C-alpha atoms as a PDB file:
ATOM      1  CA  UNK A   1      -2.480  -5.969 -23.980  1.00  0.00           C
ATOM      2  CA  UNK A   2       0.798  -4.174 -24.717  1.00  0.00           C
ATOM      3  CA  UNK A   3      -0.326  -1.273 -22.515  1.00  0.00           C
ATOM      4  CA  UNK A   4      -1.085  -3.594 -19.587  1.00  0.00           C
ATOM      5  CA  UNK A   5       2.160  -5.561 -19.971  1.00  0.00           C
ATOM      6  CA  UNK A   6       4.219  -2.363 -20.125  1.00  0.00           C
ATOM      7  CA  UNK A   7       2.642  -1.140 -16.886  1.00  0.00           C
ATOM      8  CA  UNK A   8       3.450  -4.453 -15.189  1.00  0.00           C
ATOM      9  CA  UNK A   9       7.040  -4.400 -16.457  1.00  0.00           C
ATOM     10  CA  UNK A  10       7.589  -0.838 -15.232  1.00  0.00           C
ATOM     11  CA  UNK A  11       6.254  -1.801 -11.803  1.00  0.00           C
ATOM     12  CA  UNK A  12       8.614  -4.780 -11.529  1.00  0.00           C
ATOM     13  CA  UNK A  13      11.813  -2.962 -12.497  1.00  0.00           C
ATOM     14  CA  UNK A  14      11.123   0.235 -10.562  1.00  0.00           C
ATOM     15  CA  UNK A  15      13.931   0.869  -8.042  1.00  0.00           C
ATOM     16  CA  UNK A  16      11.557   0.622  -5.078  1.00  0.00           C
ATOM     17  CA  UNK A  17      10.363  -2.761  -6.339  1.00  0.00           C
ATOM     18  CA  UNK A  18      13.910  -4.084  -6.809  1.00  0.00           C
ATOM     19  CA  UNK A  19      14.920  -2.970  -3.308  1.00  0.00           C
ATOM     20  CA  UNK A  20      11.786  -4.472  -1.776  1.00  0.00           C
ATOM     21  CA  UNK A  21      12.297  -7.780  -3.589  1.00  0.00           C
ATOM     22  CA  UNK A  22      15.889  -8.039  -2.344  1.00  0.00           C
ATOM     23  CA  UNK A  23      14.827  -7.601   1.281  1.00  0.00           C
ATOM     24  CA  UNK A  24      11.788  -9.843   0.842  1.00  0.00           C
ATOM     25  CA  UNK A  25      13.825 -12.709  -0.609  1.00  0.00           C
ATOM     26  CA  UNK A  26      16.448 -12.222   2.092  1.00  0.00           C
ATOM     27  CA  UNK A  27      13.737 -12.577   4.738  1.00  0.00           C
ATOM     28  CA  UNK A  28      12.740 -15.981   3.344  1.00  0.00           C
ATOM     29  CA  UNK A  29      16.053 -17.319   2.009  1.00  0.00           C
ATOM     30  CA  UNK A  30      18.488 -15.781   4.518  1.00  0.00           C
ATOM     31  CA  UNK A  31      21.107 -15.235   1.816  1.00  0.00           C
ATOM     32  CA  UNK A  32      23.411 -12.392   2.824  1.00  0.00           C
ATOM     33  CA  UNK A  33      24.071 -11.321  -0.763  1.00  0.00           C
ATOM     34  CA  UNK A  34      20.376 -10.407  -1.010  1.00  0.00           C
ATOM     35  CA  UNK A  35      20.682  -8.197   2.064  1.00  0.00           C
ATOM     36  CA  UNK A  36      23.831  -6.538   0.729  1.00  0.00           C
ATOM     37  CA  UNK A  37      22.181  -6.086  -2.682  1.00  0.00           C
ATOM     38  CA  UNK A  38      19.146  -4.438  -1.107  1.00  0.00           C
ATOM     39  CA  UNK A  39      21.284  -2.055   0.941  1.00  0.00           C
ATOM     40  CA  UNK A  40      23.500  -1.280  -2.055  1.00  0.00           C
ATOM     41  CA  UNK A  41      20.541  -0.579  -4.331  1.00  0.00           C
ATOM     42  CA  UNK A  42      18.951   1.622  -1.664  1.00  0.00           C
ATOM     43  CA  UNK A  43      22.112   3.716  -1.228  1.00  0.00           C
ATOM     44  CA  UNK A  44      22.592   4.023  -4.986  1.00  0.00           C
ATOM     45  CA  UNK A  45      19.046   4.914  -6.000  1.00  0.00           C
ATOM     46  CA  UNK A  46      18.474   7.339  -3.116  1.00  0.00           C
ATOM     47  CA  UNK A  47      21.725   9.229  -3.612  1.00  0.00           C
ATOM     48  CA  UNK A  48      20.685  12.658  -4.947  1.00  0.00           C
ATOM     49  CA  UNK A  49      24.042  13.458  -6.570  1.00  0.00           C
ATOM     50  CA  UNK A  50      24.071  10.314  -8.706  1.00  0.00           C
ATOM     51  CA  UNK A  51      20.398  10.599  -9.583  1.00  0.00           C
ATOM     52  CA  UNK A  52      20.505  14.269 -10.523  1.00  0.00           C
ATOM     53  CA  UNK A  53      23.510  13.892 -12.793  1.00  0.00           C
ATOM     54  CA  UNK A  54      22.160  10.855 -14.633  1.00  0.00           C
ATOM     55  CA  UNK A  55      18.849  12.658 -15.028  1.00  0.00           C
ATOM     56  CA  UNK A  56      20.549  15.822 -16.259  1.00  0.00           C
ATOM     57  CA  UNK A  57      22.352  13.871 -18.980  1.00  0.00           C
ATOM     58  CA  UNK A  58      19.046  12.422 -20.193  1.00  0.00           C
ATOM     59  CA  UNK A  59      16.892  15.535 -20.126  1.00  0.00           C
ATOM     60  CA  UNK A  60      16.672  17.636 -23.298  1.00  0.00           C
ATOM     61  CA  UNK A  61      17.740  21.225 -22.659  1.00  0.00           C
ATOM     62  CA  UNK A  62      15.352  24.149 -22.837  1.00  0.00           C
ATOM     63  CA  UNK A  63      14.607  25.653 -26.247  1.00  0.00           C
ATOM     64  CA  UNK A  64      14.641  29.382 -26.780  1.00  0.00           C
ATOM     65  CA  UNK A  65      11.856  30.659 -29.013  1.00  0.00           C
ATOM     66  CA  UNK A  66      13.045  33.732 -30.864  1.00  0.00           C
ATOM     67  CA  UNK A  67      11.150  37.001 -30.969  1.00  0.00           C
ATOM     68  CA  UNK A  68       8.557  36.902 -33.740  1.00  0.00           C
ATOM     69  CA  UNK A  69       9.070  33.181 -34.334  1.00  0.00           C
ATOM     70  CA  UNK A  70       5.847  31.366 -35.201  1.00  0.00           C
ATOM     71  CA  UNK A  71       4.781  27.725 -35.212  1.00  0.00           C
ATOM     72  CA  UNK A  72       1.712  26.155 -36.776  1.00  0.00           C
ATOM     73  CA  UNK A  73       0.812  24.305 -33.606  1.00  0.00           C
ATOM     74  CA  UNK A  74       1.795  23.666 -29.999  1.00  0.00           C
ATOM     75  CA  UNK A  75       1.521  19.934 -29.326  1.00  0.00           C
ATOM     76  CA  UNK A  76       1.054  19.172 -25.629  1.00  0.00           C
ATOM     77  CA  UNK A  77       1.518  15.618 -24.400  1.00  0.00           C
ATOM     78  CA  UNK A  78      -0.681  14.791 -21.436  1.00  0.00           C
ATOM     79  CA  UNK A  79      -0.098  12.671 -18.375  1.00  0.00           C
ATOM     80  CA  UNK A  80      -0.912  15.041 -15.521  1.00  0.00           C
ATOM     81  CA  UNK A  81      -4.654  15.821 -15.576  1.00  0.00           C
ATOM     82  CA  UNK A  82      -7.285  13.584 -14.004  1.00  0.00           C
ATOM     83  CA  UNK A  83     -10.331  13.748 -11.761  1.00  0.00           C
ATOM     84  CA  UNK A  84     -11.138  12.772  -8.192  1.00  0.00           C
ATOM     85  CA  UNK A  85     -14.480  12.277  -6.493  1.00  0.00           C
ATOM     86  CA  UNK A  86     -15.457  14.879  -3.904  1.00  0.00           C
ATOM     87  CA  UNK A  87     -18.125  13.793  -1.406  1.00  0.00           C
ATOM     88  CA  UNK A  88     -18.463  10.619  -3.482  1.00  0.00           C
ATOM     89  CA  UNK A  89     -20.363  12.403  -6.228  1.00  0.00           C
ATOM     90  CA  UNK A  90     -18.864  15.628  -7.549  1.00  0.00           C
ATOM     91  CA  UNK A  91     -15.810  15.324  -9.761  1.00  0.00           C
ATOM     92  CA  UNK A  92     -12.887  17.704  -9.360  1.00  0.00           C
ATOM     93  CA  UNK A  93     -10.184  18.067 -11.994  1.00  0.00           C
ATOM     94  CA  UNK A  94      -6.711  17.696 -10.499  1.00  0.00           C
ATOM     95  CA  UNK A  95      -3.287  18.480 -11.931  1.00  0.00           C
ATOM     96  CA  UNK A  96      -0.072  16.553 -11.192  1.00  0.00           C
ATOM     97  CA  UNK A  97       3.450  17.984 -11.269  1.00  0.00           C
ATOM     98  CA  UNK A  98       3.670  17.644 -15.048  1.00  0.00           C
ATOM     99  CA  UNK A  99       1.261  20.562 -15.479  1.00  0.00           C
ATOM    100  CA  UNK A 100       4.204  22.772 -16.425  1.00  0.00           C
ATOM    101  CA  UNK A 101       3.614  21.367 -19.924  1.00  0.00           C
ATOM    102  CA  UNK A 102       0.214  23.022 -20.217  1.00  0.00           C
ATOM    103  CA  UNK A 103       1.252  26.208 -18.414  1.00  0.00           C
ATOM    104  CA  UNK A 104       4.220  26.722 -20.748  1.00  0.00           C
ATOM    105  CA  UNK A 105       2.086  26.012 -23.825  1.00  0.00           C
ATOM    106  CA  UNK A 106      -0.580  28.477 -22.711  1.00  0.00           C
ATOM    107  CA  UNK A 107       2.122  31.080 -22.122  1.00  0.00           C
ATOM    108  CA  UNK A 108       3.514  30.489 -25.625  1.00  0.00           C
ATOM    109  CA  UNK A 109       0.011  30.790 -27.084  1.00  0.00           C
ATOM    110  CA  UNK A 110      -0.603  34.074 -25.259  1.00  0.00           C
ATOM    111  CA  UNK A 111       2.694  35.389 -26.605  1.00  0.00           C
ATOM    112  CA  UNK A 112       1.581  34.630 -30.168  1.00  0.00           C
ATOM    113  CA  UNK A 113       4.095  31.843 -30.803  1.00  0.00           C
ATOM    114  CA  UNK A 114       1.228  29.819 -32.279  1.00  0.00           C
ATOM    115  CA  UNK A 115      -2.509  30.195 -32.780  1.00  0.00           C
ATOM    116  CA  UNK A 116      -3.225  26.488 -32.279  1.00  0.00           C
ATOM    117  CA  UNK A 117      -2.916  24.257 -29.214  1.00  0.00           C
ATOM    118  CA  UNK A 118      -3.037  20.519 -29.930  1.00  0.00           C
ATOM    119  CA  UNK A 119      -3.604  18.511 -26.765  1.00  0.00           C
ATOM    120  CA  UNK A 120      -3.069  14.770 -27.103  1.00  0.00           C
ATOM    121  CA  UNK A 121      -4.037  12.444 -24.236  1.00  0.00           C
ATOM    122  CA  UNK A 122      -6.669   9.834 -23.608  1.00  0.00           C
ATOM    123  CA  UNK A 123      -6.954   8.207 -20.218  1.00  0.00           C
ATOM    124  CA  UNK A 124      -3.915   6.661 -18.545  1.00  0.00           C
ATOM    125  CA  UNK A 125      -5.988   3.923 -16.964  1.00  0.00           C
ATOM    126  CA  UNK A 126      -5.987   0.200 -17.673  1.00  0.00           C
ATOM    127  CA  UNK A 127      -9.738   0.074 -17.091  1.00  0.00           C
ATOM    128  CA  UNK A 128     -10.483   3.403 -18.812  1.00  0.00           C
ATOM    129  CA  UNK A 129     -12.431   4.708 -15.818  1.00  0.00           C
ATOM    130  CA  UNK A 130     -11.645   8.405 -16.204  1.00  0.00           C
ATOM    131  CA  UNK A 131     -12.670  11.150 -18.595  1.00  0.00           C
ATOM    132  CA  UNK A 132     -10.118  11.581 -21.369  1.00  0.00           C
ATOM    133  CA  UNK A 133      -7.422  14.010 -20.238  1.00  0.00           C
ATOM    134  CA  UNK A 134      -7.523  16.095 -23.414  1.00  0.00           C
ATOM    135  CA  UNK A 135     -11.190  16.885 -22.776  1.00  0.00           C
ATOM    136  CA  UNK A 136     -10.508  17.911 -19.176  1.00  0.00           C
ATOM    137  CA  UNK A 137      -7.626  20.121 -20.306  1.00  0.00           C
ATOM    138  CA  UNK A 138      -9.748  21.730 -23.014  1.00  0.00           C
ATOM    139  CA  UNK A 139     -12.406  22.597 -20.453  1.00  0.00           C
ATOM    140  CA  UNK A 140      -9.775  24.363 -18.355  1.00  0.00           C
ATOM    141  CA  UNK A 141      -8.315  26.249 -21.313  1.00  0.00           C
ATOM    142  CA  UNK A 142     -11.757  27.441 -22.345  1.00  0.00           C
ATOM    143  CA  UNK A 143     -12.329  28.714 -18.794  1.00  0.00           C
ATOM    144  CA  UNK A 144      -9.208  30.891 -18.951  1.00  0.00           C
ATOM    145  CA  UNK A 145     -10.184  32.472 -22.233  1.00  0.00           C
ATOM    146  CA  UNK A 146      -8.537  30.414 -24.968  1.00  0.00           C
ATOM    147  CA  UNK A 147     -11.056  30.218 -27.824  1.00  0.00           C
ATOM    148  CA  UNK A 148     -12.523  26.877 -28.833  1.00  0.00           C
ATOM    149  CA  UNK A 149     -11.343  27.427 -32.407  1.00  0.00           C
ATOM    150  CA  UNK A 150      -7.724  27.464 -31.194  1.00  0.00           C
ATOM    151  CA  UNK A 151      -7.879  24.068 -29.448  1.00  0.00           C
ATOM    152  CA  UNK A 152      -7.537  20.676 -31.130  1.00  0.00           C
ATOM    153  CA  UNK A 153      -7.952  17.616 -28.911  1.00  0.00           C
ATOM    154  CA  UNK A 154      -6.908  14.006 -29.440  1.00  0.00           C
ATOM    155  CA  UNK A 155      -8.562  11.913 -26.739  1.00  0.00           C
ATOM    156  CA  UNK A 156      -8.000   8.237 -27.670  1.00  0.00           C
ATOM    157  CA  UNK A 157      -4.277   7.737 -27.049  1.00  0.00           C
ATOM    158  CA  UNK A 158      -2.931   5.845 -24.037  1.00  0.00           C
ATOM    159  CA  UNK A 159       0.811   6.094 -24.751  1.00  0.00           C
ATOM    160  CA  UNK A 160       3.358   8.236 -26.561  1.00  0.00           C
ATOM    161  CA  UNK A 161       3.244   6.195 -29.772  1.00  0.00           C
ATOM    162  CA  UNK A 162      -0.513   6.687 -29.994  1.00  0.00           C
ATOM    163  CA  UNK A 163      -0.113  10.385 -29.144  1.00  0.00           C
ATOM    164  CA  UNK A 164       1.848  10.781 -32.362  1.00  0.00           C
ATOM    165  CA  UNK A 165      -0.198   8.383 -34.509  1.00  0.00           C
ATOM    166  CA  UNK A 166      -3.660   9.697 -33.595  1.00  0.00           C
ATOM    167  CA  UNK A 167      -2.550  13.336 -33.738  1.00  0.00           C
ATOM    168  CA  UNK A 168      -1.246  12.657 -37.234  1.00  0.00           C
ATOM    169  CA  UNK A 169      -4.614  11.207 -38.246  1.00  0.00           C
ATOM    170  CA  UNK A 170      -6.474  14.256 -36.960  1.00  0.00           C
ATOM    171  CA  UNK A 171      -4.175  16.690 -38.742  1.00  0.00           C
ATOM    172  CA  UNK A 172      -4.348  14.676 -41.989  1.00  0.00           C
ATOM    173  CA  UNK A 173      -8.134  15.006 -41.939  1.00  0.00           C
ATOM    174  CA  UNK A 174      -7.879  18.773 -41.517  1.00  0.00           C
ATOM    175  CA  UNK A 175      -4.939  19.769 -43.694  1.00  0.00           C
ATOM    176  CA  UNK A 176      -3.284  17.684 -46.420  1.00  0.00           C
ATOM    177  CA  UNK A 177      -0.151  19.814 -46.178  1.00  0.00           C
ATOM    178  CA  UNK A 178       0.303  19.214 -42.435  1.00  0.00           C
ATOM    179  CA  UNK A 179       3.756  17.701 -42.909  1.00  0.00           C
ATOM    180  CA  UNK A 180       5.052  20.996 -44.271  1.00  0.00           C
ATOM    181  CA  UNK A 181       3.963  22.777 -41.109  1.00  0.00           C
ATOM    182  CA  UNK A 182       6.156  23.449 -38.067  1.00  0.00           C
ATOM    183  CA  UNK A 183       5.141  22.242 -34.630  1.00  0.00           C
ATOM    184  CA  UNK A 184       6.515  22.881 -31.169  1.00  0.00           C
ATOM    185  CA  UNK A 185       6.423  19.693 -29.093  1.00  0.00           C
ATOM    186  CA  UNK A 186       5.755  20.482 -25.436  1.00  0.00           C
ATOM    187  CA  UNK A 187       6.468  17.790 -22.867  1.00  0.00           C
ATOM    188  CA  UNK A 188       8.656  17.046 -19.848  1.00  0.00           C
ATOM    189  CA  UNK A 189      12.396  17.238 -20.447  1.00  0.00           C
ATOM    190  CA  UNK A 190      12.937  13.610 -19.386  1.00  0.00           C
ATOM    191  CA  UNK A 191      10.205  12.422 -21.775  1.00  0.00           C
ATOM    192  CA  UNK A 192      11.331  14.485 -24.757  1.00  0.00           C
ATOM    193  CA  UNK A 193      13.703  11.950 -26.379  1.00  0.00           C
ATOM    194  CA  UNK A 194      11.025   9.276 -26.767  1.00  0.00           C
ATOM    195  CA  UNK A 195       8.389  11.837 -27.732  1.00  0.00           C
ATOM    196  CA  UNK A 196      10.519  13.410 -30.460  1.00  0.00           C
ATOM    197  CA  UNK A 197      11.381   9.992 -31.850  1.00  0.00           C
ATOM    198  CA  UNK A 198       7.702   8.984 -32.016  1.00  0.00           C
ATOM    199  CA  UNK A 199       6.526  12.195 -33.690  1.00  0.00           C
ATOM    200  CA  UNK A 200       9.374  12.257 -36.195  1.00  0.00           C
ATOM    201  CA  UNK A 201       8.599   8.633 -37.072  1.00  0.00           C
ATOM    202  CA  UNK A 202       5.065   9.738 -37.972  1.00  0.00           C
ATOM    203  CA  UNK A 203       6.396  12.513 -40.240  1.00  0.00           C
ATOM    204  CA  UNK A 204       6.079  15.552 -37.981  1.00  0.00           C
ATOM    205  CA  UNK A 205       8.372  18.534 -38.351  1.00  0.00           C
ATOM    206  CA  UNK A 206       8.771  19.109 -34.618  1.00  0.00           C
ATOM    207  CA  UNK A 207      11.015  21.236 -32.438  1.00  0.00           C
ATOM    208  CA  UNK A 208      11.399  20.234 -28.765  1.00  0.00           C
ATOM    209  CA  UNK A 209      10.181  22.589 -26.062  1.00  0.00           C
ATOM    210  CA  UNK A 210      11.163  20.896 -22.813  1.00  0.00           C
ATOM    211  CA  UNK A 211       9.298  21.608 -19.583  1.00  0.00           C
ATOM    212  CA  UNK A 212       9.031  20.254 -16.052  1.00  0.00           C
ATOM    213  CA  UNK A 213      12.776  19.987 -15.479  1.00  0.00           C
ATOM    214  CA  UNK A 214      13.653  17.663 -12.599  1.00  0.00           C
ATOM    215  CA  UNK A 215      17.456  17.971 -12.659  1.00  0.00           C
ATOM    216  CA  UNK A 216      17.874  21.626 -11.752  1.00  0.00           C
ATOM    217  CA  UNK A 217      21.246  21.923  -9.999  1.00  0.00           C
ATOM    218  CA  UNK A 218      22.347  25.412  -8.981  1.00  0.00           C
ATOM    219  CA  UNK A 219      25.001  24.419  -6.469  1.00  0.00           C
ATOM    220  CA  UNK A 220      25.962  21.296  -4.555  1.00  0.00           C
ATOM    221  CA  UNK A 221      25.224  20.964  -0.860  1.00  0.00           C
ATOM    222  CA  UNK A 222      25.174  18.122   1.625  1.00  0.00           C
ATOM    223  CA  UNK A 223      21.441  17.749   0.952  1.00  0.00           C
ATOM    224  CA  UNK A 224      21.800  17.092  -2.778  1.00  0.00           C
ATOM    225  CA  UNK A 225      25.001  15.064  -2.688  1.00  0.00           C
ATOM    226  CA  UNK A 226      25.038  12.783   0.379  1.00  0.00           C
ATOM    227  CA  UNK A 227      21.767  12.559   2.311  1.00  0.00           C
ATOM    228  CA  UNK A 228      19.435   9.885   0.843  1.00  0.00           C
ATOM    229  CA  UNK A 229      16.485  11.428  -0.945  1.00  0.00           C
ATOM    230  CA  UNK A 230      13.060  10.153  -1.966  1.00  0.00           C
ATOM    231  CA  UNK A 231      13.267  12.561  -4.898  1.00  0.00           C
ATOM    232  CA  UNK A 232      16.312  10.689  -6.212  1.00  0.00           C
ATOM    233  CA  UNK A 233      14.411   7.411  -6.029  1.00  0.00           C
ATOM    234  CA  UNK A 234      11.511   8.983  -7.891  1.00  0.00           C
ATOM    235  CA  UNK A 235      13.822  10.395 -10.568  1.00  0.00           C
ATOM    236  CA  UNK A 236      15.337   6.966 -11.163  1.00  0.00           C
ATOM    237  CA  UNK A 237      11.830   5.540 -11.538  1.00  0.00           C
ATOM    238  CA  UNK A 238      11.054   8.034 -14.305  1.00  0.00           C
ATOM    239  CA  UNK A 239      14.427   7.490 -15.939  1.00  0.00           C
ATOM    240  CA  UNK A 240      14.280   3.693 -15.992  1.00  0.00           C
ATOM    241  CA  UNK A 241      10.754   3.862 -17.353  1.00  0.00           C
ATOM    242  CA  UNK A 242      11.992   6.030 -20.217  1.00  0.00           C
ATOM    243  CA  UNK A 243      14.914   3.705 -20.953  1.00  0.00           C
ATOM    244  CA  UNK A 244      12.630   0.689 -21.080  1.00  0.00           C
ATOM    245  CA  UNK A 245      10.173   2.653 -23.183  1.00  0.00           C
ATOM    246  CA  UNK A 246      12.883   3.517 -25.696  1.00  0.00           C
ATOM    247  CA  UNK A 247      13.978  -0.128 -25.971  1.00  0.00           C
ATOM    248  CA  UNK A 248      10.430  -1.467 -26.316  1.00  0.00           C
ATOM    249  CA  UNK A 249       9.418   1.217 -28.803  1.00  0.00           C
ATOM    250  CA  UNK A 250      12.531   0.527 -30.873  1.00  0.00           C
ATOM    251  CA  UNK A 251      11.818  -3.221 -30.871  1.00  0.00           C
ATOM    252  CA  UNK A 252       8.212  -2.629 -31.957  1.00  0.00           C
ATOM    253  CA  UNK A 253       9.191  -0.148 -34.679  1.00  0.00           C
ATOM    254  CA  UNK A 254       7.490   2.805 -33.036  1.00  0.00           C
ATOM    255  CA  UNK A 255      10.649   4.897 -33.306  1.00  0.00           C
END
């Protein structure tokens, strides 16, 4: 129930939803403040300069892994692997823009930073219609030559809290001294704050390894400071979701 309610809440407070509601209520009520609010929210949330800088303040910076440094496991948080039907029968695995998480983890594994990859992700679906993401990701990693013995999957979780809790349970069943081990937590930079808080709450000794940076600003131009951008709107959607997630998780004692 909490999972369903959280999805509904995120949908309601998303910037696109707020803007749409302002214009929709204006259409029926003819109150000018609703029109002005809709226009104001649109200009604010689609401004790339404002969005990028707020996002940059929230993202956790990249971590440098020193030469010869070793971790006992690379924990990848899912949220970007699913399947689609091809010709209404064959299933194809597809990867969303968060796949930098898995790519970076595979690169770290190949470099010898760790000899274990721990992939935690069930199915991000209210009706549980898809194959668990961790299983799809494992299939891909096996195809590119990562040995089965190096991959640990957690395939029941549907949110970040459960990522940490169920991963803890798996590691406890394998190694009673798991809390003394060092883990590299691999997830998107904007999601790292909540992820770190959840895993530390469960007793993990984790170091952040941020990926999938969305606030990469090399220099300012008219395109990333003035012209309205869909990317800015999308960034705000991610950011507000994380803020709400932090508040809800704190209230529920998850972090």
